[in-house]
Amino acid sequence: MHRRSRVFCSAAVAALGFTTAAFAQTATDTQAPPADFTGPLGEVAPGAGPEAAEAAAKPGVAAAVPPRRDPSAPLYGIAARWRYIMVPGWFLDFFTQKNSPLYTPGSFGLEGFRRKVDKDDPNRSWELNVGVGYQNMSPPDAYWLGKGKQKDQDTDLVQARDLSLITMDAAFISRQYFNKYFGIHYGAGLGLGIVRGKILRTSARQQADGSFRVINTQGVEMCGADPSSTCKDQLLNQSQGQADGGPYQPHRFQETSVPGALPIINLLLGIDVRAPLPNGQALEFRLEGGFFDAFFIGTSVGYQI
């Protein structure tokens, strides 16, 4: 009897021990994850220790979600531009009676910009754009006559030699996108153009048929009715350096009133096509026109960082 009692007590103690162990195991399974637990994207769980941060940074473990860009932070970028320059005859007619229009593709430059997105409209941005460039301002050889001047006495052969502007400008530009890819822009600014090259003048004589020619004192024609193809530069060079004596004693001389620098007025309007890149940046293609001390149409390609 006593032996049976001892066996029963031993079995009861053993059963109680297994039950306690099983309960303890169940309670442990429902506790907080260990300190080295990381979430599915590599983020460290709340309360996790430094070991979890190290584990998230190890190869093979998903990286943490990168922080989103602050929408109020400025954006930066660079652009390259090309322009077709136009100074049409109707514009020159405001200042001259006779002239030669300028049409040239010789204008290009580099730009840098700082842009901020409008807080009320994420498709609108405000931009400070600064640029440097080169602009050809050499019209073809032609006869010119200023406003209020006498045609038979004051008409001159005008020849521009490497006349150009080295430009520096700053403009404020607003860009409005209608969707992720397409928008418009407009803006205005000021700048400075350093004048390079020179202008040469020679008095011209009016003929009976109304045309103009440059004829020296020996009666030799130095430049015909079409200066772009009939001028004899060798003869004109020989006459240079002497005082010009008017239509019947012509000598070529350099115009001294050309300024060393000119203020630049910049007005522009155009369309934008944006190509987002996988890295979060974007390429921008622009077609624009306006006024930059001369009328222009052109294009530019920008990279938004």
C-alpha atoms as a PDB file:
ATOM      1  CA  MET A   1       0.000   0.000   0.000  1.00  0.00           C
ATOM      2  CA  HIS A   2       2.740   2.409   0.919  1.00  0.00           C
ATOM      3  CA  ARG A   3       4.675   1.437  -2.199  1.00  0.00           C
ATOM      4  CA  ARG A   4       1.643   2.282  -4.385  1.00  0.00           C
ATOM      5  CA  SER A   5       1.279   5.635  -2.627  1.00  0.00           C
ATOM      6  CA  ARG A   6       4.893   6.562  -3.319  1.00  0.00           C
ATOM      7  CA  VAL A   7       4.564   5.591  -7.003  1.00  0.00           C
ATOM      8  CA  PHE A   8       1.402   7.718  -7.352  1.00  0.00           C
ATOM      9  CA  CYS A   9       3.063  10.738  -5.728  1.00  0.00           C
ATOM     10  CA  SER A  10       6.078  10.430  -8.007  1.00  0.00           C
ATOM     11  CA  ALA A  11       3.865  10.292 -11.108  1.00  0.00           C
ATOM     12  CA  ALA A  12       1.894  13.335  -9.928  1.00  0.00           C
ATOM     13  CA  VAL A  13       5.062  15.356  -9.365  1.00  0.00           C
ATOM     14  CA  ALA A  14       6.371  14.407 -12.830  1.00  0.00           C
ATOM     15  CA  ALA A  15       3.066  15.367 -14.501  1.00  0.00           C
ATOM     16  CA  LEU A  16       3.050  18.694 -12.681  1.00  0.00           C
ATOM     17  CA  GLY A  17       6.633  19.372 -13.842  1.00  0.00           C
ATOM     18  CA  PHE A  18       5.812  18.675 -17.513  1.00  0.00           C
ATOM     19  CA  THR A  19       2.700  20.871 -17.316  1.00  0.00           C
ATOM     20  CA  THR A  20       4.691  23.779 -15.836  1.00  0.00           C
ATOM     21  CA  ALA A  21       7.382  23.429 -18.513  1.00  0.00           C
ATOM     22  CA  ALA A  22       4.756  23.375 -21.274  1.00  0.00           C
ATOM     23  CA  PHE A  23       3.051  26.507 -19.856  1.00  0.00           C
ATOM     24  CA  ALA A  24       6.378  28.302 -19.605  1.00  0.00           C
ATOM     25  CA  GLN A  25       7.160  27.446 -23.245  1.00  0.00           C
ATOM     26  CA  THR A  26       3.779  28.805 -24.406  1.00  0.00           C
ATOM     27  CA  ALA A  27       4.258  32.042 -22.476  1.00  0.00           C
ATOM     28  CA  THR A  28       7.711  32.519 -23.966  1.00  0.00           C
ATOM     29  CA  ASP A  29       6.328  32.160 -27.523  1.00  0.00           C
ATOM     30  CA  THR A  30       3.983  35.112 -26.981  1.00  0.00           C
ATOM     31  CA  GLN A  31       6.600  37.544 -25.683  1.00  0.00           C
ATOM     32  CA  ALA A  32       8.172  40.431 -27.726  1.00  0.00           C
ATOM     33  CA  PRO A  33      10.555  39.411 -30.539  1.00  0.00           C
ATOM     34  CA  PRO A  34      14.245  39.145 -29.722  1.00  0.00           C
ATOM     35  CA  ALA A  35      16.471  42.167 -29.909  1.00  0.00           C
ATOM     36  CA  ASP A  36      17.805  41.282 -33.350  1.00  0.00           C
ATOM     37  CA  PHE A  37      14.365  41.212 -35.057  1.00  0.00           C
ATOM     38  CA  THR A  38      13.951  43.267 -38.216  1.00  0.00           C
ATOM     39  CA  GLY A  39      10.883  44.008 -40.308  1.00  0.00           C
ATOM     40  CA  PRO A  40      10.272  42.866 -43.898  1.00  0.00           C
ATOM     41  CA  LEU A  41      11.906  46.034 -45.438  1.00  0.00           C
ATOM     42  CA  GLY A  42      14.833  46.090 -43.065  1.00  0.00           C
ATOM     43  CA  GLU A  43      13.359  48.579 -40.620  1.00  0.00           C
ATOM     44  CA  VAL A  44      14.258  47.940 -36.994  1.00  0.00           C
ATOM     45  CA  ALA A  45      11.339  46.940 -34.782  1.00  0.00           C
ATOM     46  CA  PRO A  46      10.431  49.270 -31.881  1.00  0.00           C
ATOM     47  CA  GLY A  47      12.540  48.498 -28.837  1.00  0.00           C
ATOM     48  CA  ALA A  48      15.143  46.559 -30.827  1.00  0.00           C
ATOM     49  CA  GLY A  49      18.751  47.018 -29.826  1.00  0.00           C
ATOM     50  CA  PRO A  50      21.836  47.967 -31.848  1.00  0.00           C
ATOM     51  CA  GLU A  51      22.224  44.381 -33.026  1.00  0.00           C
ATOM     52  CA  ALA A  52      19.073  44.804 -35.127  1.00  0.00           C
ATOM     53  CA  ALA A  53      20.437  47.936 -36.810  1.00  0.00           C
ATOM     54  CA  GLU A  54      23.617  46.050 -37.663  1.00  0.00           C
ATOM     55  CA  ALA A  55      21.623  43.139 -39.032  1.00  0.00           C
ATOM     56  CA  ALA A  56      19.560  45.465 -41.237  1.00  0.00           C
ATOM     57  CA  ALA A  57      22.761  46.861 -42.732  1.00  0.00           C
ATOM     58  CA  LYS A  58      24.250  43.430 -43.518  1.00  0.00           C
ATOM     59  CA  PRO A  59      24.159  42.042 -47.083  1.00  0.00           C
ATOM     60  CA  GLY A  60      21.176  39.840 -47.746  1.00  0.00           C
ATOM     61  CA  VAL A  61      18.927  41.779 -45.384  1.00  0.00           C
ATOM     62  CA  ALA A  62      16.415  44.164 -46.965  1.00  0.00           C
ATOM     63  CA  ALA A  63      17.411  47.815 -46.612  1.00  0.00           C
ATOM     64  CA  ALA A  64      15.313  50.347 -44.776  1.00  0.00           C
ATOM     65  CA  VAL A  65      12.897  52.485 -46.779  1.00  0.00           C
ATOM     66  CA  PRO A  66      14.772  55.659 -47.861  1.00  0.00           C
ATOM     67  CA  PRO A  67      13.339  58.861 -46.414  1.00  0.00           C
ATOM     68  CA  ARG A  68      11.079  60.866 -48.711  1.00  0.00           C
ATOM     69  CA  ARG A  69      12.415  64.150 -50.083  1.00  0.00           C
ATOM     70  CA  ASP A  70      11.256  67.269 -48.321  1.00  0.00           C
ATOM     71  CA  PRO A  71       8.911  68.941 -50.862  1.00  0.00           C
ATOM     72  CA  SER A  72      10.033  72.376 -49.667  1.00  0.00           C
ATOM     73  CA  ALA A  73      13.729  71.632 -50.343  1.00  0.00           C
ATOM     74  CA  PRO A  74      15.190  73.358 -53.443  1.00  0.00           C
ATOM     75  CA  LEU A  75      16.059  71.434 -56.601  1.00  0.00           C
ATOM     76  CA  TYR A  76      19.178  72.094 -58.680  1.00  0.00           C
ATOM     77  CA  GLY A  77      20.172  71.390 -62.247  1.00  0.00           C
ATOM     78  CA  ILE A  78      22.174  72.322 -65.332  1.00  0.00           C
ATOM     79  CA  ALA A  79      21.239  72.875 -68.973  1.00  0.00           C
ATOM     80  CA  ALA A  80      22.818  73.496 -72.381  1.00  0.00           C
ATOM     81  CA  ARG A  81      21.095  75.812 -74.865  1.00  0.00           C
ATOM     82  CA  TRP A  82      21.226  76.628 -78.585  1.00  0.00           C
ATOM     83  CA  ARG A  83      19.459  79.549 -80.261  1.00  0.00           C
ATOM     84  CA  TYR A  84      18.777  80.915 -83.733  1.00  0.00           C
ATOM     85  CA  ILE A  85      19.264  84.700 -83.607  1.00  0.00           C
ATOM     86  CA  MET A  86      17.141  87.147 -85.642  1.00  0.00           C
ATOM     87  CA  VAL A  87      17.306  90.925 -86.016  1.00  0.00           C
ATOM     88  CA  PRO A  88      14.704  91.465 -88.762  1.00  0.00           C
ATOM     89  CA  GLY A  89      14.549  94.440 -91.089  1.00  0.00           C
ATOM     90  CA  TRP A  90      11.260  95.754 -89.652  1.00  0.00           C
ATOM     91  CA  PHE A  91      12.949  96.027 -86.240  1.00  0.00           C
ATOM     92  CA  LEU A  92      15.997  97.840 -87.663  1.00  0.00           C
ATOM     93  CA  ASP A  93      13.649 100.205 -89.529  1.00  0.00           C
ATOM     94  CA  PHE A  94      12.870 101.873 -86.208  1.00  0.00           C
ATOM     95  CA  PHE A  95      16.451 103.215 -86.182  1.00  0.00           C
ATOM     96  CA  THR A  96      17.597 103.231 -89.830  1.00  0.00           C
ATOM     97  CA  GLN A  97      16.419 104.010 -93.339  1.00  0.00           C
ATOM     98  CA  LYS A  98      18.605 101.339 -94.932  1.00  0.00           C
ATOM     99  CA  ASN A  99      20.016  98.251 -93.223  1.00  0.00           C
ATOM    100  CA  SER A 100      20.839  94.568 -93.411  1.00  0.00           C
ATOM    101  CA  PRO A 101      18.891  92.052 -91.271  1.00  0.00           C
ATOM    102  CA  LEU A 102      20.742  89.500 -89.157  1.00  0.00           C
ATOM    103  CA  TYR A 103      19.858  85.798 -89.139  1.00  0.00           C
ATOM    104  CA  THR A 104      22.351  83.404 -87.609  1.00  0.00           C
ATOM    105  CA  PRO A 105      22.414  80.053 -85.761  1.00  0.00           C
ATOM    106  CA  GLY A 106      25.524  81.129 -83.866  1.00  0.00           C
ATOM    107  CA  SER A 107      24.346  81.282 -80.268  1.00  0.00           C
ATOM    108  CA  PHE A 108      24.903  78.746 -77.482  1.00  0.00           C
ATOM    109  CA  GLY A 109      25.375  78.707 -73.732  1.00  0.00           C
ATOM    110  CA  LEU A 110      25.316  76.871 -70.404  1.00  0.00           C
ATOM    111  CA  GLU A 111      22.818  77.403 -67.592  1.00  0.00           C
ATOM    112  CA  GLY A 112      22.446  76.448 -63.952  1.00  0.00           C
ATOM    113  CA  PHE A 113      19.215  76.706 -61.999  1.00  0.00           C
ATOM    114  CA  ARG A 114      17.832  76.604 -58.467  1.00  0.00           C
ATOM    115  CA  ARG A 115      14.166  75.644 -58.341  1.00  0.00           C
ATOM    116  CA  LYS A 116      11.505  75.521 -55.624  1.00  0.00           C
ATOM    117  CA  VAL A 117       8.153  73.802 -55.916  1.00  0.00           C
ATOM    118  CA  ASP A 118       5.079  75.887 -55.105  1.00  0.00           C
ATOM    119  CA  LYS A 119       3.662  74.767 -51.756  1.00  0.00           C
ATOM    120  CA  ASP A 120       0.080  75.142 -53.009  1.00  0.00           C
ATOM    121  CA  ASP A 121       0.587  73.551 -56.433  1.00  0.00           C
ATOM    122  CA  PRO A 122       3.154  70.733 -56.777  1.00  0.00           C
ATOM    123  CA  ASN A 123       3.020  71.093 -60.582  1.00  0.00           C
ATOM    124  CA  ARG A 124       4.264  74.691 -60.437  1.00  0.00           C
ATOM    125  CA  SER A 125       7.821  75.755 -59.662  1.00  0.00           C
ATOM    126  CA  TRP A 126       9.761  79.002 -59.365  1.00  0.00           C
ATOM    127  CA  GLU A 127      13.295  79.110 -60.649  1.00  0.00           C
ATOM    128  CA  LEU A 128      16.385  81.295 -60.577  1.00  0.00           C
ATOM    129  CA  ASN A 129      18.346  80.613 -63.754  1.00  0.00           C
ATOM    130  CA  VAL A 130      21.864  81.924 -64.415  1.00  0.00           C
ATOM    131  CA  GLY A 131      23.729  81.468 -67.679  1.00  0.00           C
ATOM    132  CA  VAL A 132      26.802  82.278 -69.733  1.00  0.00           C
ATOM    133  CA  GLY A 133      26.925  82.170 -73.505  1.00  0.00           C
ATOM    134  CA  TYR A 134      28.111  83.344 -76.892  1.00  0.00           C
ATOM    135  CA  GLN A 135      25.956  85.206 -79.419  1.00  0.00           C
ATOM    136  CA  ASN A 136      27.002  86.056 -82.977  1.00  0.00           C
ATOM    137  CA  MET A 137      25.934  89.593 -83.932  1.00  0.00           C
ATOM    138  CA  SER A 138      27.630  89.979 -87.342  1.00  0.00           C
ATOM    139  CA  PRO A 139      25.209  90.841 -90.180  1.00  0.00           C
ATOM    140  CA  PRO A 140      26.347  90.457 -93.798  1.00  0.00           C
ATOM    141  CA  ASP A 141      28.147  93.338 -95.512  1.00  0.00           C
ATOM    142  CA  ALA A 142      25.611  95.943 -96.621  1.00  0.00           C
ATOM    143  CA  TYR A 143      24.872  99.621 -97.107  1.00  0.00           C
ATOM    144  CA  TRP A 144      23.362 101.379 -94.095  1.00  0.00           C
ATOM    145  CA  LEU A 145      21.724 104.773 -93.588  1.00  0.00           C
ATOM    146  CA  GLY A 146      20.583 106.144 -90.244  1.00  0.00           C
ATOM    147  CA  LYS A 147      17.309 107.877 -89.487  1.00  0.00           C
ATOM    148  CA  GLY A 148      17.309 111.564 -90.380  1.00  0.00           C
ATOM    149  CA  LYS A 149      20.459 111.279 -92.539  1.00  0.00           C
ATOM    150  CA  GLN A 150      20.949 112.372 -96.172  1.00  0.00           C
ATOM    151  CA  LYS A 151      20.910 109.409 -98.532  1.00  0.00           C
ATOM    152  CA  ASP A 152      23.420 110.826-101.030  1.00  0.00           C
ATOM    153  CA  GLN A 153      25.929 111.909 -98.386  1.00  0.00           C
ATOM    154  CA  ASP A 154      25.615 109.630 -95.363  1.00  0.00           C
ATOM    155  CA  THR A 155      25.078 106.118 -96.739  1.00  0.00           C
ATOM    156  CA  ASP A 156      27.984 103.882 -95.695  1.00  0.00           C
ATOM    157  CA  LEU A 157      29.205 100.420 -96.473  1.00  0.00           C
ATOM    158  CA  VAL A 158      29.103  98.660 -93.082  1.00  0.00           C
ATOM    159  CA  GLN A 159      31.149  95.500 -92.495  1.00  0.00           C
ATOM    160  CA  ALA A 160      31.034  93.632 -89.190  1.00  0.00           C
ATOM    161  CA  ARG A 161      34.113  91.593 -88.391  1.00  0.00           C
ATOM    162  CA  ASP A 162      33.624  88.892 -85.737  1.00  0.00           C
ATOM    163  CA  LEU A 163      31.072  91.079 -83.950  1.00  0.00           C
ATOM    164  CA  SER A 164      29.654  89.059 -81.058  1.00  0.00           C
ATOM    165  CA  LEU A 165      28.549  89.126 -77.433  1.00  0.00           C
ATOM    166  CA  ILE A 166      29.921  87.127 -74.507  1.00  0.00           C
ATOM    167  CA  THR A 167      26.851  87.050 -72.281  1.00  0.00           C
ATOM    168  CA  MET A 168      26.126  86.650 -68.582  1.00  0.00           C
ATOM    169  CA  ASP A 169      22.523  86.756 -67.419  1.00  0.00           C
ATOM    170  CA  ALA A 170      20.099  85.866 -64.640  1.00  0.00           C
ATOM    171  CA  ALA A 171      16.370  85.251 -65.060  1.00  0.00           C
ATOM    172  CA  PHE A 172      13.389  84.365 -62.904  1.00  0.00           C
ATOM    173  CA  ILE A 173      11.320  81.635 -64.550  1.00  0.00           C
ATOM    174  CA  SER A 174       7.992  80.047 -63.663  1.00  0.00           C
ATOM    175  CA  ARG A 175       7.264  76.495 -64.866  1.00  0.00           C
ATOM    176  CA  GLN A 176       3.752  75.078 -64.911  1.00  0.00           C
ATOM    177  CA  TYR A 177       3.301  71.374 -65.667  1.00  0.00           C
ATOM    178  CA  PHE A 178      -0.089  70.049 -66.729  1.00  0.00           C
ATOM    179  CA  ASN A 179       0.875  66.451 -66.012  1.00  0.00           C
ATOM    180  CA  LYS A 180       4.012  64.478 -65.183  1.00  0.00           C
ATOM    181  CA  TYR A 181       5.558  65.067 -68.599  1.00  0.00           C
ATOM    182  CA  PHE A 182       4.321  68.268 -70.267  1.00  0.00           C
ATOM    183  CA  GLY A 183       4.281  71.932 -69.272  1.00  0.00           C
ATOM    184  CA  ILE A 184       5.099  75.537 -70.185  1.00  0.00           C
ATOM    185  CA  HIS A 185       7.458  78.179 -68.829  1.00  0.00           C
ATOM    186  CA  TYR A 186       7.875  81.936 -69.000  1.00  0.00           C
ATOM    187  CA  GLY A 187      10.211  84.441 -67.417  1.00  0.00           C
ATOM    188  CA  ALA A 188      12.326  87.569 -67.627  1.00  0.00           C
ATOM    189  CA  GLY A 189      15.759  88.709 -66.562  1.00  0.00           C
ATOM    190  CA  LEU A 190      18.720  90.990 -67.073  1.00  0.00           C
ATOM    191  CA  GLY A 191      22.339  90.508 -67.993  1.00  0.00           C
ATOM    192  CA  LEU A 192      25.490  91.934 -69.477  1.00  0.00           C
ATOM    193  CA  GLY A 193      27.031  91.366 -72.899  1.00  0.00           C
ATOM    194  CA  ILE A 194      30.742  91.944 -73.511  1.00  0.00           C
ATOM    195  CA  VAL A 195      31.151  93.191 -77.091  1.00  0.00           C
ATOM    196  CA  ARG A 196      33.817  91.497 -79.191  1.00  0.00           C
ATOM    197  CA  GLY A 197      34.923  92.267 -82.750  1.00  0.00           C
ATOM    198  CA  LYS A 198      34.631  95.507 -84.720  1.00  0.00           C
ATOM    199  CA  ILE A 199      32.616  97.423 -87.302  1.00  0.00           C
ATOM    200  CA  LEU A 200      34.252  98.920 -90.414  1.00  0.00           C
ATOM    201  CA  ARG A 201      32.667 101.755 -92.430  1.00  0.00           C
ATOM    202  CA  THR A 202      33.323 103.214 -95.865  1.00  0.00           C
ATOM    203  CA  SER A 203      31.407 106.056 -97.525  1.00  0.00           C
ATOM    204  CA  ALA A 204      29.288 104.972-100.493  1.00  0.00           C
ATOM    205  CA  ARG A 205      28.226 106.889-103.619  1.00  0.00           C
ATOM    206  CA  GLN A 206      24.683 106.796-104.943  1.00  0.00           C
ATOM    207  CA  GLN A 207      24.343 105.984-108.648  1.00  0.00           C
ATOM    208  CA  ALA A 208      21.853 107.235-111.208  1.00  0.00           C
ATOM    209  CA  ASP A 209      19.845 104.020-110.916  1.00  0.00           C
ATOM    210  CA  GLY A 210      19.494 104.502-107.156  1.00  0.00           C
ATOM    211  CA  SER A 211      22.014 101.826-106.182  1.00  0.00           C
ATOM    212  CA  PHE A 212      25.098 102.435-104.045  1.00  0.00           C
ATOM    213  CA  ARG A 213      28.727 101.652-104.773  1.00  0.00           C
ATOM    214  CA  VAL A 214      32.130 102.401-103.252  1.00  0.00           C
ATOM    215  CA  ILE A 215      34.360 103.997-105.894  1.00  0.00           C
ATOM    216  CA  ASN A 216      37.783 105.416-105.097  1.00  0.00           C
ATOM    217  CA  THR A 217      39.278 108.665-106.425  1.00  0.00           C
ATOM    218  CA  GLN A 218      40.788 106.795-109.405  1.00  0.00           C
ATOM    219  CA  GLY A 219      37.324 105.649-110.433  1.00  0.00           C
ATOM    220  CA  VAL A 220      37.969 102.031-109.438  1.00  0.00           C
ATOM    221  CA  GLU A 221      34.985 100.254-107.941  1.00  0.00           C
ATOM    222  CA  MET A 222      35.925  98.802-104.553  1.00  0.00           C
ATOM    223  CA  CYS A 223      32.448  97.529-103.741  1.00  0.00           C
ATOM    224  CA  GLY A 224      29.422  97.064-106.014  1.00  0.00           C
ATOM    225  CA  ALA A 225      25.703  97.185-105.503  1.00  0.00           C
ATOM    226  CA  ASP A 226      25.751  93.825-103.715  1.00  0.00           C
ATOM    227  CA  PRO A 227      28.424  94.143-101.008  1.00  0.00           C
ATOM    228  CA  SER A 228      28.072  90.522 -99.918  1.00  0.00           C
ATOM    229  CA  SER A 229      29.687  89.338-103.174  1.00  0.00           C
ATOM    230  CA  THR A 230      31.325  92.236-105.011  1.00  0.00           C
ATOM    231  CA  CYS A 231      33.619  93.922-102.460  1.00  0.00           C
ATOM    232  CA  LYS A 232      37.364  93.917-103.184  1.00  0.00           C
ATOM    233  CA  ASP A 233      38.865  93.562 -99.713  1.00  0.00           C
ATOM    234  CA  GLN A 234      42.393  94.178-100.935  1.00  0.00           C
ATOM    235  CA  LEU A 235      41.474  97.648-102.199  1.00  0.00           C
ATOM    236  CA  LEU A 236      39.419  98.415 -99.106  1.00  0.00           C
ATOM    237  CA  ASN A 237      42.336  97.386 -96.890  1.00  0.00           C
ATOM    238  CA  GLN A 238      44.652  99.702 -98.800  1.00  0.00           C
ATOM    239  CA  SER A 239      42.313 102.625 -98.144  1.00  0.00           C
ATOM    240  CA  GLN A 240      42.034 101.888 -94.429  1.00  0.00           C
ATOM    241  CA  GLY A 241      43.724 104.194 -91.933  1.00  0.00           C
ATOM    242  CA  GLN A 242      43.145 107.427 -93.837  1.00  0.00           C
ATOM    243  CA  ALA A 243      40.511 110.020 -93.038  1.00  0.00           C
ATOM    244  CA  ASP A 244      37.254 109.348 -94.844  1.00  0.00           C
ATOM    245  CA  GLY A 245      36.476 112.153 -97.271  1.00  0.00           C
ATOM    246  CA  GLY A 246      32.880 111.321 -98.089  1.00  0.00           C
ATOM    247  CA  PRO A 247      31.318 109.603-101.122  1.00  0.00           C
ATOM    248  CA  TYR A 248      33.955 110.836-103.586  1.00  0.00           C
ATOM    249  CA  GLN A 249      37.016 110.230-101.375  1.00  0.00           C
ATOM    250  CA  PRO A 250      36.081 107.014 -99.539  1.00  0.00           C
ATOM    251  CA  HIS A 251      38.428 105.406 -97.026  1.00  0.00           C
ATOM    252  CA  ARG A 252      37.565 102.534 -94.721  1.00  0.00           C
ATOM    253  CA  PHE A 253      37.707 103.283 -91.003  1.00  0.00           C
ATOM    254  CA  GLN A 254      36.739 101.534 -87.757  1.00  0.00           C
ATOM    255  CA  GLU A 255      33.603 102.690 -85.995  1.00  0.00           C
ATOM    256  CA  THR A 256      34.622 104.089 -82.604  1.00  0.00           C
ATOM    257  CA  SER A 257      31.171 104.409 -81.063  1.00  0.00           C
ATOM    258  CA  VAL A 258      30.756 100.653 -80.466  1.00  0.00           C
ATOM    259  CA  PRO A 259      30.470 100.187 -76.686  1.00  0.00           C
ATOM    260  CA  GLY A 260      32.596  97.694 -74.802  1.00  0.00           C
ATOM    261  CA  ALA A 261      29.523  96.209 -73.102  1.00  0.00           C
ATOM    262  CA  LEU A 262      25.754  96.220 -73.498  1.00  0.00           C
ATOM    263  CA  PRO A 263      22.917  95.592 -71.042  1.00  0.00           C
ATOM    264  CA  ILE A 264      20.889  92.496 -71.874  1.00  0.00           C
ATOM    265  CA  ILE A 265      17.108  92.352 -71.664  1.00  0.00           C
ATOM    266  CA  ASN A 266      15.903  88.758 -71.487  1.00  0.00           C
ATOM    267  CA  LEU A 267      12.283  87.726 -72.162  1.00  0.00           C
ATOM    268  CA  LEU A 268      11.337  84.109 -72.845  1.00  0.00           C
ATOM    269  CA  LEU A 269       8.369  81.791 -73.301  1.00  0.00           C
ATOM    270  CA  GLY A 270       8.400  78.093 -74.112  1.00  0.00           C
ATOM    271  CA  ILE A 271       7.179  74.538 -73.643  1.00  0.00           C
ATOM    272  CA  ASP A 272       8.710  71.756 -71.527  1.00  0.00           C
ATOM    273  CA  VAL A 273       8.829  67.999 -71.976  1.00  0.00           C
ATOM    274  CA  ARG A 274      10.067  66.127 -68.899  1.00  0.00           C
ATOM    275  CA  ALA A 275      11.507  62.600 -68.886  1.00  0.00           C
ATOM    276  CA  PRO A 276      11.757  61.197 -65.317  1.00  0.00           C
ATOM    277  CA  LEU A 277      14.700  58.899 -64.637  1.00  0.00           C
ATOM    278  CA  PRO A 278      14.704  55.783 -62.404  1.00  0.00           C
ATOM    279  CA  ASN A 279      17.089  57.421 -59.926  1.00  0.00           C
ATOM    280  CA  GLY A 280      14.621  60.200 -59.126  1.00  0.00           C
ATOM    281  CA  GLN A 281      16.229  62.836 -61.349  1.00  0.00           C
ATOM    282  CA  ALA A 282      14.861  63.970 -64.716  1.00  0.00           C
ATOM    283  CA  LEU A 283      15.845  65.129 -68.194  1.00  0.00           C
ATOM    284  CA  GLU A 284      14.085  68.258 -69.462  1.00  0.00           C
ATOM    285  CA  PHE A 285      13.693  69.183 -73.134  1.00  0.00           C
ATOM    286  CA  ARG A 286      12.618  72.743 -73.875  1.00  0.00           C
ATOM    287  CA  LEU A 287      11.560  74.664 -76.970  1.00  0.00           C
ATOM    288  CA  GLU A 288      11.446  78.413 -76.425  1.00  0.00           C
ATOM    289  CA  GLY A 289      11.498  81.829 -78.037  1.00  0.00           C
ATOM    290  CA  GLY A 290      11.894  85.381 -76.894  1.00  0.00           C
ATOM    291  CA  PHE A 291      14.164  88.396 -76.868  1.00  0.00           C
ATOM    292  CA  PHE A 292      17.812  88.480 -75.753  1.00  0.00           C
ATOM    293  CA  ASP A 293      19.016  91.769 -77.232  1.00  0.00           C
ATOM    294  CA  ALA A 294      17.800  90.079 -80.428  1.00  0.00           C
ATOM    295  CA  PHE A 295      14.825  87.869 -81.209  1.00  0.00           C
ATOM    296  CA  PHE A 296      15.461  84.146 -80.949  1.00  0.00           C
ATOM    297  CA  ILE A 297      14.004  80.687 -81.144  1.00  0.00           C
ATOM    298  CA  GLY A 298      15.918  77.782 -79.689  1.00  0.00           C
ATOM    299  CA  THR A 299      16.078  74.654 -77.640  1.00  0.00           C
ATOM    300  CA  SER A 300      17.791  73.451 -74.501  1.00  0.00           C
ATOM    301  CA  VAL A 301      18.334  70.198 -72.639  1.00  0.00           C
ATOM    302  CA  GLY A 302      18.439  70.225 -68.836  1.00  0.00           C
ATOM    303  CA  TYR A 303      19.232  67.727 -66.095  1.00  0.00           C
ATOM    304  CA  GLN A 304      17.459  68.102 -62.766  1.00  0.00           C
ATOM    305  CA  ILE A 305      19.488  66.698 -59.899  1.00  0.00           C
END
